[in-house]
Amino acid sequence: MTPTDCILALDLGTTGNRALIIDREQQVVAQAYREFKQYYPQPGWVEHDAEEILASTLAVAKTVLAQVKVKRIGAVGITNQRETVVLWDKQTGKPIHNAIVWQCRRTSEECERLKRQGLEAEVHQRTGLYLDPYFSATKIDWLLNQNSAWRRAAEEGDILAGTIDSWLVYCLTSGKVHATDASNASRTLLFNLQTGQWDDEQLRIFNIPRAMLPRLVPSSGMIGETSAAELGIQLPIAGLIGDQQSALFAQGCHDPGSIKNTYGTGLFLLANTGSQPDFIPGLITTVAWNLAGKLTYACEGSVFIGGAAIQWLRDELKIIQNADETEALAQSIPDNQGVYFVPALVGLGAPYWDSRARGLMIGLTRGTSRAHLVRAALEAIAYQTRDTVSAMLPDRMSSLQKLKVDGGACRNDFLMQFQADILGVPVERPLLIETTALGAAGMAGLAIGLWSSPQDFVRHAKIERVFTPVISASQREKLYTGWQQAVARARNWAKD
């Protein structure tokens, strides 16, 4: 009899979906990836087709399932882009509108209105979040305001709302389960960090009916079962966790104070803060995970444009054909020649929270080449990371001993070396950089006993390379000062 020793991990990202089958030793047995389309109906607006997300997920899942003996797979773990919102008809299971993506800025004016009412301090205290279009609540309210019939249906529970994890679970279970975990719920502006439940006052502020929200479940535990009609196989769904919290878990950041940074579409620096929420100016306080009914919290610096800056160079400017070119291009020149790129393409996230800021390239001369633009985009990723580290460790930068990294962009050796240089600390890259998927596998594996404890799970992790700083402290500060000046100009553009 074939032993059960694998987890099917579904990683639902912002630009594509990935399925991995991961065994007990944290080896990737099979994997598949598929991008999906981004929609930009107006400047600053970003949407996804939720049905395309589902189709893409099913396609990559079936691809890997065909490569492995099904009896080896014990459960499904799901991780996802977090604040993106889908509304769908409970009876038909069909979305009523495109998903509104976490990057979308369409509700900026509504957030500013609520700030003028003096609500931000109390909202932040309850939820750990800021009044920013990044989060889910104003997106849901905006959608319900598009059609009065939708709001009436939502009040009756006939239109459901959820982040991408909830949407996928609903579809995979053929409509039997409408659920989310605390790591995702804590990104909505509707979840109370202290009570661990949906908050009535937040629902009132954002005019959102409780009836449309998902049931809260643990991050690790039996949530439902996939339908053979959808996935072709019945498997328990046993892990549910937001992508950045998932990476925090996979990186072994289980103790308060441990830090990791994920280099994906955005950049997400998280520190485990233990059993109590910790509030740091400019950063988000969030739930890391819910294990055995106990909440672990994290502090997070969320940067909107990380690897997406490289995608922008490829898709919009068309100065590169693929991301793999960027390393050689950046290394083909000795320095940035004073060229800086502030990728505030959808405003600035942590630690600035400035939705009015816009992208800026500065320092251009007749000698500026595409290599300089590419290098500036990669350097911007490292600078933004330092911004968030500085906010997380004010006056204590020296206390950072190393930075654990993951995500697709951390494959770039130039970027990782520059990150070590601009932080002044070693950067540690794991062998398996798809840690968002790995963390989801860990949650599902703990639920079925594949790993006996978080410590048992993390002991199988392997380090691939450590990058150590090579530039002087004076050079580091000179480069960073140039970045800070560029950011100030990007933030001032609307004031001129």
Protein backbone atom coordinates (compact mmCIF):
# COMPACT_ATOMS: atom_id res chain seq x y z
CA MET A 1 0.00 0.00 0.00
CA THR A 2 1.36 3.44 -0.95
CA PRO A 3 1.94 5.52 2.22
CA THR A 4 0.42 8.97 2.59
CA ASP A 5 3.46 11.24 2.65
CA CYS A 6 2.55 14.28 0.52
CA ILE A 7 0.47 17.45 0.58
CA LEU A 8 -1.07 19.22 -2.41
CA ALA A 9 -0.26 22.90 -1.85
CA LEU A 10 -2.20 25.49 -3.86
CA ASP A 11 -0.52 28.90 -3.97
CA LEU A 12 -2.89 31.52 -5.38
CA GLY A 13 -0.78 34.54 -6.26
CA THR A 14 -1.45 37.96 -7.72
CA THR A 15 -0.17 37.25 -11.22
CA GLY A 16 -0.45 33.47 -11.37
CA ASN A 17 -1.35 30.27 -9.54
CA ARG A 18 0.99 27.46 -8.58
CA ALA A 19 0.36 23.89 -7.46
CA LEU A 20 3.06 21.89 -5.71
CA ILE A 21 3.10 18.43 -4.25
CA ILE A 22 5.44 18.48 -1.27
CA ASP A 23 6.57 15.43 0.67
CA ARG A 24 7.46 15.00 4.32
CA GLU A 25 11.12 15.90 3.67
CA GLN A 26 10.03 19.19 2.04
CA GLN A 27 10.99 17.92 -1.39
CA VAL A 28 8.92 19.17 -4.33
CA VAL A 29 7.59 16.05 -6.02
CA ALA A 30 5.71 17.91 -8.77
CA GLN A 31 4.80 21.48 -9.59
CA ALA A 32 2.97 23.54 -12.20
CA TYR A 33 2.36 27.26 -12.70
CA ARG A 34 0.04 29.34 -14.83
CA GLU A 35 -0.27 33.12 -15.10
CA PHE A 36 -3.64 34.82 -15.45
CA LYS A 37 -4.65 38.15 -16.90
CA GLN A 38 -4.55 41.48 -15.09
CA TYR A 39 -7.28 44.02 -15.85
CA TYR A 40 -6.82 47.80 -15.50
CA PRO A 41 -10.22 49.40 -16.27
CA GLN A 42 -9.05 52.84 -15.08
CA PRO A 43 -5.75 54.32 -13.88
CA GLY A 44 -5.03 52.91 -10.45
CA TRP A 45 -7.73 50.23 -10.72
CA VAL A 46 -6.76 46.54 -10.79
CA GLU A 47 -9.10 43.58 -11.29
CA HIS A 48 -8.97 39.81 -11.81
CA ASP A 49 -11.47 37.44 -13.35
CA ALA A 50 -12.33 35.14 -10.43
CA GLU A 51 -13.47 32.36 -12.76
CA GLU A 52 -10.13 32.54 -14.56
CA ILE A 53 -8.40 32.21 -11.19
CA LEU A 54 -10.47 29.09 -10.49
CA ALA A 55 -9.80 27.62 -13.93
CA SER A 56 -6.08 28.29 -13.58
CA THR A 57 -6.00 26.69 -10.13
CA LEU A 58 -7.83 23.58 -11.29
CA ALA A 59 -5.53 23.29 -14.31
CA VAL A 60 -2.28 23.39 -12.32
CA ALA A 61 -3.71 21.14 -9.60
CA LYS A 62 -4.77 18.49 -12.12
CA THR A 63 -1.38 18.73 -13.83
CA VAL A 64 0.52 17.80 -10.67
CA LEU A 65 -2.03 15.24 -9.54
CA ALA A 66 -1.46 13.40 -12.81
CA GLN A 67 2.24 13.05 -11.95
CA VAL A 68 1.92 11.47 -8.49
CA LYS A 69 0.14 8.45 -7.09
CA VAL A 70 -2.99 9.92 -5.60
CA LYS A 71 -2.81 7.66 -2.54
CA ARG A 72 0.36 9.49 -1.47
CA ILE A 73 -1.56 12.75 -1.01
CA GLY A 74 -3.07 13.22 2.42
CA ALA A 75 -4.60 16.68 2.21
CA VAL A 76 -4.78 20.06 0.48
CA GLY A 77 -3.25 23.26 1.87
CA ILE A 78 -4.25 26.63 0.41
CA THR A 79 -2.42 29.94 0.54
CA ASN A 80 -3.44 33.07 -1.30
CA GLN A 81 -3.09 36.73 -2.19
CA ARG A 82 -4.95 38.21 0.72
CA GLU A 83 -6.95 41.44 0.45
CA THR A 84 -8.32 40.77 -3.04
CA VAL A 85 -12.13 40.45 -2.85
CA VAL A 86 -14.68 38.35 -4.73
CA LEU A 87 -18.48 38.65 -4.43
CA TRP A 88 -20.56 35.80 -5.80
CA ASP A 89 -24.13 34.51 -6.01
CA LYS A 90 -24.71 31.82 -3.39
CA GLN A 91 -27.10 29.84 -5.60
CA THR A 92 -25.22 29.89 -8.91
CA GLY A 93 -21.68 30.20 -7.55
CA LYS A 94 -21.02 32.86 -10.19
CA PRO A 95 -19.12 36.07 -9.38
CA ILE A 96 -21.24 39.19 -9.74
CA HIS A 97 -18.22 41.32 -10.74
CA ASN A 98 -14.51 40.96 -11.39
CA ALA A 99 -12.43 40.50 -8.25
CA ILE A 100 -11.01 43.77 -6.93
CA VAL A 101 -7.29 43.28 -6.32
CA TRP A 102 -5.32 44.34 -3.26
CA GLN A 103 -3.33 46.76 -5.44
CA CYS A 104 -6.48 48.61 -6.57
CA ARG A 105 -6.80 52.24 -5.44
CA ARG A 106 -10.42 52.94 -6.47
CA THR A 107 -11.56 53.49 -2.89
CA SER A 108 -8.90 56.09 -2.02
CA GLU A 109 -11.47 58.88 -1.68
CA GLU A 110 -13.64 56.80 0.63
CA CYS A 111 -10.64 56.07 2.84
CA GLU A 112 -9.78 59.77 2.96
CA ARG A 113 -13.40 60.58 3.92
CA LEU A 114 -13.27 58.15 6.83
CA LYS A 115 -9.95 59.62 7.95
CA ARG A 116 -11.48 63.10 7.99
CA GLN A 117 -14.16 61.72 10.30
CA GLY A 118 -11.39 60.89 12.76
CA LEU A 119 -11.92 57.13 12.58
CA GLU A 120 -8.43 55.89 11.75
CA ALA A 121 -7.06 55.65 15.31
CA GLU A 122 -9.94 53.52 16.63
CA VAL A 123 -10.01 51.40 13.47
CA HIS A 124 -6.28 50.79 13.80
CA GLN A 125 -6.63 49.82 17.45
CA ARG A 126 -9.35 47.26 16.71
CA THR A 127 -7.97 45.81 13.47
CA GLY A 128 -4.26 46.65 13.37
CA LEU A 129 -4.80 48.13 9.90
CA TYR A 130 -4.93 51.59 8.38
CA LEU A 131 -7.70 53.22 6.37
CA ASP A 132 -6.20 52.38 3.02
CA PRO A 133 -7.67 50.99 -0.24
CA TYR A 134 -5.26 48.06 0.14
CA PHE A 135 -7.62 46.32 2.53
CA SER A 136 -10.86 44.52 1.72
CA ALA A 137 -13.68 46.38 3.47
CA THR A 138 -13.94 49.45 1.22
CA LYS A 139 -13.74 47.17 -1.83
CA ILE A 140 -16.77 45.17 -0.62
CA ASP A 141 -18.71 48.34 0.15
CA TRP A 142 -17.85 49.79 -3.27
CA LEU A 143 -19.16 46.67 -5.01
CA LEU A 144 -22.42 46.65 -3.05
CA ASN A 145 -22.92 50.32 -3.89
CA GLN A 146 -22.93 49.51 -7.61
CA ASN A 147 -26.34 47.84 -7.43
CA SER A 148 -28.98 48.21 -4.72
CA ALA A 149 -30.26 44.69 -5.49
CA TRP A 150 -26.82 43.32 -4.66
CA ARG A 151 -26.86 44.96 -1.24
CA ARG A 152 -30.35 43.57 -0.49
CA ALA A 153 -29.20 40.10 -1.55
CA ALA A 154 -26.07 40.41 0.59
CA GLU A 155 -28.19 41.30 3.63
CA GLU A 156 -30.13 38.05 3.07
CA GLY A 157 -26.93 36.05 2.66
CA ASP A 158 -27.67 35.37 -1.01
CA ILE A 159 -24.52 37.16 -2.16
CA LEU A 160 -21.34 36.02 -0.43
CA ALA A 161 -18.04 37.82 -0.01
CA GLY A 162 -14.60 36.47 0.51
CA THR A 163 -10.92 36.75 -0.16
CA ILE A 164 -9.45 34.37 -2.72
CA ASP A 165 -9.09 31.53 -0.20
CA SER A 166 -12.82 31.66 0.56
CA TRP A 167 -13.70 31.76 -3.13
CA LEU A 168 -11.57 28.72 -3.89
CA VAL A 169 -12.78 26.70 -0.90
CA TYR A 170 -16.39 27.43 -1.88
CA CYS A 171 -15.73 26.28 -5.44
CA LEU A 172 -13.65 23.21 -4.53
CA THR A 173 -16.34 22.00 -2.13
CA SER A 174 -19.14 22.65 -4.67
CA GLY A 175 -20.62 25.35 -2.46
CA LYS A 176 -20.69 23.37 0.77
CA VAL A 177 -18.12 25.45 2.70
CA HIS A 178 -17.82 29.23 3.02
CA ALA A 179 -14.82 29.79 5.28
CA THR A 180 -11.65 31.73 5.93
CA ASP A 181 -8.97 31.71 8.60
CA ALA A 182 -7.82 34.52 10.90
CA SER A 183 -4.70 35.30 8.89
CA ASN A 184 -6.88 36.28 5.94
CA ALA A 185 -9.74 37.75 7.98
CA SER A 186 -7.28 40.07 9.72
CA ARG A 187 -6.62 41.76 6.35
CA THR A 188 -10.20 42.88 5.76
CA LEU A 189 -10.63 45.78 8.26
CA LEU A 190 -13.56 43.76 9.64
CA PHE A 191 -11.75 41.47 12.11
CA ASN A 192 -11.08 42.35 15.74
CA LEU A 193 -7.55 41.39 16.79
CA GLN A 194 -8.49 41.07 20.45
CA THR A 195 -11.67 38.99 20.17
CA GLY A 196 -10.59 36.96 17.13
CA GLN A 197 -14.02 37.50 15.56
CA TRP A 198 -15.76 39.71 13.01
CA ASP A 199 -16.28 43.12 14.62
CA ASP A 200 -19.79 44.65 14.70
CA GLU A 201 -18.53 48.23 14.82
CA GLN A 202 -16.30 47.68 11.79
CA LEU A 203 -19.22 46.14 9.90
CA ARG A 204 -21.25 49.25 10.75
CA ILE A 205 -18.53 51.68 9.65
CA PHE A 206 -18.17 49.99 6.27
CA ASN A 207 -21.86 49.11 5.90
CA ILE A 208 -21.20 45.42 5.26
CA PRO A 209 -23.79 42.72 6.13
CA ARG A 210 -22.47 40.01 8.41
CA ALA A 211 -24.57 37.44 6.52
CA MET A 212 -22.26 37.57 3.50
CA LEU A 213 -19.04 36.87 5.42
CA PRO A 214 -17.34 33.48 5.71
CA ARG A 215 -17.14 31.30 8.81
CA LEU A 216 -13.84 31.63 10.71
CA VAL A 217 -11.82 28.40 10.94
CA PRO A 218 -8.32 27.49 12.23
CA SER A 219 -5.36 27.80 9.86
CA SER A 220 -4.67 24.09 10.41
CA GLY A 221 -7.58 21.68 10.70
CA MET A 222 -10.29 19.92 8.75
CA ILE A 223 -12.12 22.62 6.80
CA GLY A 224 -13.93 20.65 4.11
CA GLU A 225 -13.43 18.14 1.32
CA THR A 226 -12.77 18.77 -2.33
CA SER A 227 -15.49 17.68 -4.72
CA ALA A 228 -14.63 15.03 -7.28
CA ALA A 229 -16.74 17.04 -9.72
CA GLU A 230 -14.31 19.96 -9.45
CA LEU A 231 -10.87 18.50 -8.74
CA GLY A 232 -11.43 14.95 -9.89
CA ILE A 233 -10.58 13.61 -6.44
CA GLN A 234 -11.90 13.92 -2.89
CA LEU A 235 -9.25 15.23 -0.50
CA PRO A 236 -9.55 16.97 2.87
CA ILE A 237 -8.81 20.69 2.82
CA ALA A 238 -6.73 20.95 6.00
CA GLY A 239 -4.70 24.15 5.69
CA LEU A 240 -5.77 27.74 5.02
CA ILE A 241 -3.43 30.71 5.48
CA GLY A 242 -2.56 34.04 3.85
CA ASP A 243 0.51 33.90 1.67
CA GLN A 244 2.86 36.09 3.73
CA GLN A 245 1.94 34.51 7.04
CA SER A 246 2.45 31.15 5.32
CA ALA A 247 5.99 32.15 4.33
CA LEU A 248 6.66 33.31 7.91
CA PHE A 249 5.67 29.86 9.16
CA ALA A 250 7.67 28.01 6.50
CA GLN A 251 10.79 30.05 7.27
CA GLY A 252 10.68 28.80 10.84
CA CYS A 253 9.84 32.22 12.30
CA HIS A 254 7.89 30.63 15.14
CA ASP A 255 9.41 32.67 17.97
CA PRO A 256 8.76 36.35 18.76
CA GLY A 257 11.24 38.64 17.01
CA SER A 258 12.08 36.37 14.07
CA ILE A 259 11.83 38.15 10.69
CA LYS A 260 11.47 37.23 7.02
CA ASN A 261 10.92 39.14 3.77
CA THR A 262 9.05 37.81 0.74
CA TYR A 263 9.94 39.15 -2.71
CA GLY A 264 6.87 38.60 -4.83
CA THR A 265 4.57 40.96 -6.71
CA GLY A 266 4.90 43.13 -3.61
CA LEU A 267 7.35 42.98 -0.72
CA PHE A 268 6.23 41.72 2.65
CA LEU A 269 8.42 41.96 5.72
CA LEU A 270 6.95 40.11 8.70
CA ALA A 271 8.09 39.68 12.28
CA ASN A 272 6.51 37.23 14.69
CA THR A 273 5.28 39.14 17.77
CA GLY A 274 3.94 36.19 19.74
CA SER A 275 0.66 35.87 21.61
CA GLN A 276 -0.09 39.61 21.81
CA PRO A 277 -0.53 42.15 19.00
CA ASP A 278 2.22 44.77 18.77
CA PHE A 279 1.49 48.19 17.25
CA ILE A 280 4.37 49.96 15.45
CA PRO A 281 3.79 53.26 13.60
CA GLY A 282 3.71 52.83 9.83
CA LEU A 283 3.36 49.04 9.99
CA ILE A 284 0.43 46.66 10.03
CA THR A 285 -0.50 44.47 12.97
CA THR A 286 -1.94 41.19 11.76
CA VAL A 287 -2.70 37.60 12.74
CA ALA A 288 0.07 35.25 11.72
CA TRP A 289 -1.93 32.04 12.20
CA ASN A 290 -4.45 30.24 14.36
CA LEU A 291 -3.13 26.90 15.64
CA ALA A 292 -5.20 24.84 18.06
CA GLY A 293 -7.39 27.85 18.79
CA LYS A 294 -4.45 30.09 19.76
CA LEU A 295 -3.69 33.21 17.75
CA THR A 296 -0.11 34.15 16.96
CA TYR A 297 0.39 37.74 15.81
CA ALA A 298 2.82 39.46 13.47
CA CYS A 299 3.94 42.94 12.56
CA GLU A 300 4.12 43.57 8.81
CA GLY A 301 5.55 46.07 6.38
CA SER A 302 3.59 45.73 3.12
CA VAL A 303 5.13 47.25 -0.01
CA PHE A 304 2.80 47.31 -3.00
CA ILE A 305 5.29 47.11 -5.88
CA GLY A 306 8.24 44.74 -5.62
CA GLY A 307 8.67 42.19 -8.37
CA ALA A 308 5.75 43.91 -10.12
CA ALA A 309 8.23 46.67 -11.06
CA ILE A 310 10.11 44.14 -13.17
CA GLN A 311 6.86 42.91 -14.68
CA TRP A 312 6.06 46.54 -15.55
CA LEU A 313 9.42 46.91 -17.35
CA ARG A 314 8.56 43.76 -19.30
CA ASP A 315 4.88 44.25 -20.12
CA GLU A 316 4.43 48.02 -20.33
CA LEU A 317 7.83 49.50 -21.18
CA LYS A 318 8.94 46.33 -23.03
CA ILE A 319 12.62 46.96 -22.33
CA ILE A 320 13.13 43.36 -21.23
CA GLN A 321 11.61 40.11 -22.48
CA ASN A 322 11.73 38.22 -19.18
CA ALA A 323 12.76 38.72 -15.58
CA ASP A 324 15.78 36.45 -15.94
CA GLU A 325 17.52 39.11 -18.05
CA THR A 326 17.61 41.62 -15.24
CA GLU A 327 20.46 40.07 -13.25
CA ALA A 328 22.96 40.21 -16.12
CA LEU A 329 21.80 43.69 -17.17
CA ALA A 330 22.25 45.06 -13.65
CA GLN A 331 25.68 43.48 -13.35
CA SER A 332 26.79 44.86 -16.75
CA ILE A 333 27.28 48.34 -15.24
CA PRO A 334 29.39 49.26 -12.20
CA ASP A 335 26.77 51.42 -10.45
CA ASN A 336 23.43 53.19 -10.92
CA GLN A 337 25.00 56.49 -12.12
CA GLY A 338 22.61 58.34 -9.84
CA VAL A 339 19.48 56.84 -11.41
CA TYR A 340 16.68 56.03 -8.96
CA PHE A 341 13.26 54.52 -9.63
CA VAL A 342 10.50 54.93 -7.04
CA PRO A 343 7.89 52.32 -8.08
CA ALA A 344 4.87 54.09 -6.57
CA LEU A 345 2.74 52.85 -9.46
CA VAL A 346 -0.25 52.37 -7.15
CA GLY A 347 0.86 54.71 -4.38
CA LEU A 348 3.22 53.81 -1.55
CA GLY A 349 2.52 51.26 1.16
CA ALA A 350 4.59 50.77 4.31
CA PRO A 351 5.95 52.73 5.98
CA TYR A 352 4.51 55.78 4.14
CA TRP A 353 0.87 54.80 3.40
CA ASP A 354 0.66 57.51 0.77
CA SER A 355 -1.99 56.69 -1.85
CA ARG A 356 -1.28 59.99 -3.66
CA ALA A 357 2.36 59.19 -4.44
CA ARG A 358 3.17 58.18 -8.01
CA GLY A 359 6.05 56.43 -9.74
CA LEU A 360 9.18 58.44 -10.49
CA MET A 361 12.47 57.95 -12.35
CA ILE A 362 15.11 60.53 -11.53
CA GLY A 363 18.76 61.15 -12.34
CA LEU A 364 18.38 60.40 -16.06
CA THR A 365 21.03 61.69 -18.50
CA ARG A 366 21.93 61.08 -22.14
CA GLY A 367 24.13 58.26 -20.88
CA THR A 368 21.27 56.43 -19.16
CA SER A 369 20.65 53.00 -20.73
CA ARG A 370 18.08 50.29 -20.20
CA ALA A 371 20.63 48.60 -17.93
CA HIS A 372 20.47 51.61 -15.60
CA LEU A 373 16.65 51.49 -15.55
CA VAL A 374 16.68 47.76 -14.80
CA ARG A 375 19.31 48.18 -12.10
CA ALA A 376 17.33 51.06 -10.56
CA ALA A 377 14.20 48.87 -10.45
CA LEU A 378 16.05 46.04 -8.69
CA GLU A 379 17.71 48.45 -6.29
CA ALA A 380 14.30 49.96 -5.48
CA ILE A 381 13.18 46.57 -4.18
CA ALA A 382 16.11 46.52 -1.74
CA TYR A 383 15.64 50.15 -0.70
CA GLN A 384 11.96 49.60 0.05
CA THR A 385 12.90 46.62 2.18
CA ARG A 386 15.29 48.78 4.17
CA ASP A 387 12.50 51.34 4.62
CA THR A 388 10.30 48.72 6.27
CA VAL A 389 13.13 47.21 8.34
CA SER A 390 13.93 50.70 9.64
CA ALA A 391 10.28 51.21 10.62
CA MET A 392 10.11 47.80 12.28
CA LEU A 393 13.34 48.30 14.21
CA PRO A 394 13.53 52.05 14.92
CA ASP A 395 16.88 52.88 16.51
CA ARG A 396 17.57 49.15 16.59
CA MET A 397 18.78 48.35 13.05
CA SER A 398 21.91 46.89 14.62
CA SER A 399 19.76 44.28 16.36
CA LEU A 400 18.99 42.63 13.02
CA GLN A 401 21.42 39.74 12.69
CA LYS A 402 20.23 38.36 9.35
CA LEU A 403 17.28 38.55 6.99
CA LYS A 404 15.52 35.40 5.83
CA VAL A 405 14.20 35.78 2.29
CA ASP A 406 11.89 33.94 -0.09
CA GLY A 407 9.69 34.52 -3.14
CA GLY A 408 10.38 34.45 -6.86
CA ALA A 409 12.50 37.61 -7.07
CA CYS A 410 14.98 36.33 -4.48
CA ARG A 411 16.40 34.05 -7.18
CA ASN A 412 18.15 37.16 -8.50
CA ASP A 413 21.69 37.08 -7.11
CA PHE A 414 22.32 40.76 -7.88
CA LEU A 415 19.22 41.77 -5.93
CA MET A 416 20.10 39.59 -2.93
CA GLN A 417 23.68 40.88 -2.82
CA PHE A 418 22.49 44.48 -3.05
CA GLN A 419 19.94 43.75 -0.33
CA ALA A 420 22.70 42.52 1.97
CA ASP A 421 24.79 45.59 1.10
CA ILE A 422 22.06 48.16 1.70
CA LEU A 423 20.96 46.54 5.00
CA GLY A 424 24.45 45.74 6.21
CA VAL A 425 23.47 42.23 7.34
CA PRO A 426 23.64 38.74 5.79
CA VAL A 427 20.71 37.61 3.65
CA GLU A 428 19.77 33.93 3.95
CA ARG A 429 18.08 32.25 0.96
CA PRO A 430 16.45 28.81 1.40
CA LEU A 431 16.75 25.97 -1.08
CA LEU A 432 12.98 26.00 -1.61
CA ILE A 433 12.06 29.65 -2.21
CA GLU A 434 8.35 28.96 -2.76
CA THR A 435 7.80 29.20 0.96
CA THR A 436 4.24 30.51 0.66
CA ALA A 437 3.23 27.13 -0.75
CA LEU A 438 5.45 25.32 1.73
CA GLY A 439 3.75 27.00 4.70
CA ALA A 440 0.32 25.96 3.42
CA ALA A 441 1.61 22.41 3.11
CA GLY A 442 2.86 22.67 6.68
CA MET A 443 -0.54 23.73 7.98
CA ALA A 444 -2.30 20.89 6.18
CA GLY A 445 0.39 18.38 7.18
CA LEU A 446 0.12 19.28 10.86
CA ALA A 447 -3.64 18.70 10.69
CA ILE A 448 -3.26 15.15 9.40
CA GLY A 449 -0.16 14.25 11.43
CA LEU A 450 2.35 14.24 8.58
CA TRP A 451 4.47 16.45 10.84
CA SER A 452 4.07 16.07 14.59
CA SER A 453 4.75 19.72 15.44
CA PRO A 454 5.90 23.01 13.89
CA GLN A 455 9.42 22.15 15.05
CA ASP A 456 9.24 18.78 13.31
CA PHE A 457 8.09 20.53 10.14
CA VAL A 458 10.81 23.21 10.06
CA ARG A 459 13.73 20.88 10.80
CA HIS A 460 13.57 19.68 7.20
CA ALA A 461 14.27 23.17 5.79
CA LYS A 462 17.54 23.68 3.89
CA ILE A 463 19.60 26.85 3.24
CA GLU A 464 20.88 27.33 -0.31
CA ARG A 465 23.07 30.46 0.03
CA VAL A 466 23.97 33.30 2.37
CA PHE A 467 24.85 36.74 0.90
CA THR A 468 27.13 38.91 3.06
CA PRO A 469 27.61 42.71 2.77
CA VAL A 470 30.65 43.89 0.79
CA ILE A 471 30.27 47.70 0.57
CA SER A 472 31.37 50.25 3.16
CA ALA A 473 29.00 51.87 5.64
CA SER A 474 29.60 55.29 4.09
CA GLN A 475 28.76 54.03 0.60
CA ARG A 476 25.64 52.32 1.98
CA GLU A 477 24.35 55.52 3.55
CA LYS A 478 25.16 57.64 0.48
CA LEU A 479 23.10 55.33 -1.73
CA TYR A 480 20.23 55.21 0.74
CA THR A 481 20.17 59.00 1.12
CA GLY A 482 19.71 59.29 -2.65
CA TRP A 483 16.76 56.92 -2.41
CA GLN A 484 15.14 58.90 0.39
CA GLN A 485 15.42 62.10 -1.67
CA ALA A 486 13.77 60.37 -4.64
CA VAL A 487 10.91 59.11 -2.44
CA ALA A 488 10.32 62.62 -1.12
CA ARG A 489 9.93 63.89 -4.69
CA ALA A 490 7.53 61.06 -5.59
CA ARG A 491 5.36 61.95 -2.60
CA ASN A 492 5.38 65.67 -3.37
CA TRP A 493 4.30 65.42 -7.01
CA ALA A 494 0.58 66.00 -6.28
CA LYS A 495 1.33 69.00 -4.05
CA ASP A 496 3.16 71.00 -6.72
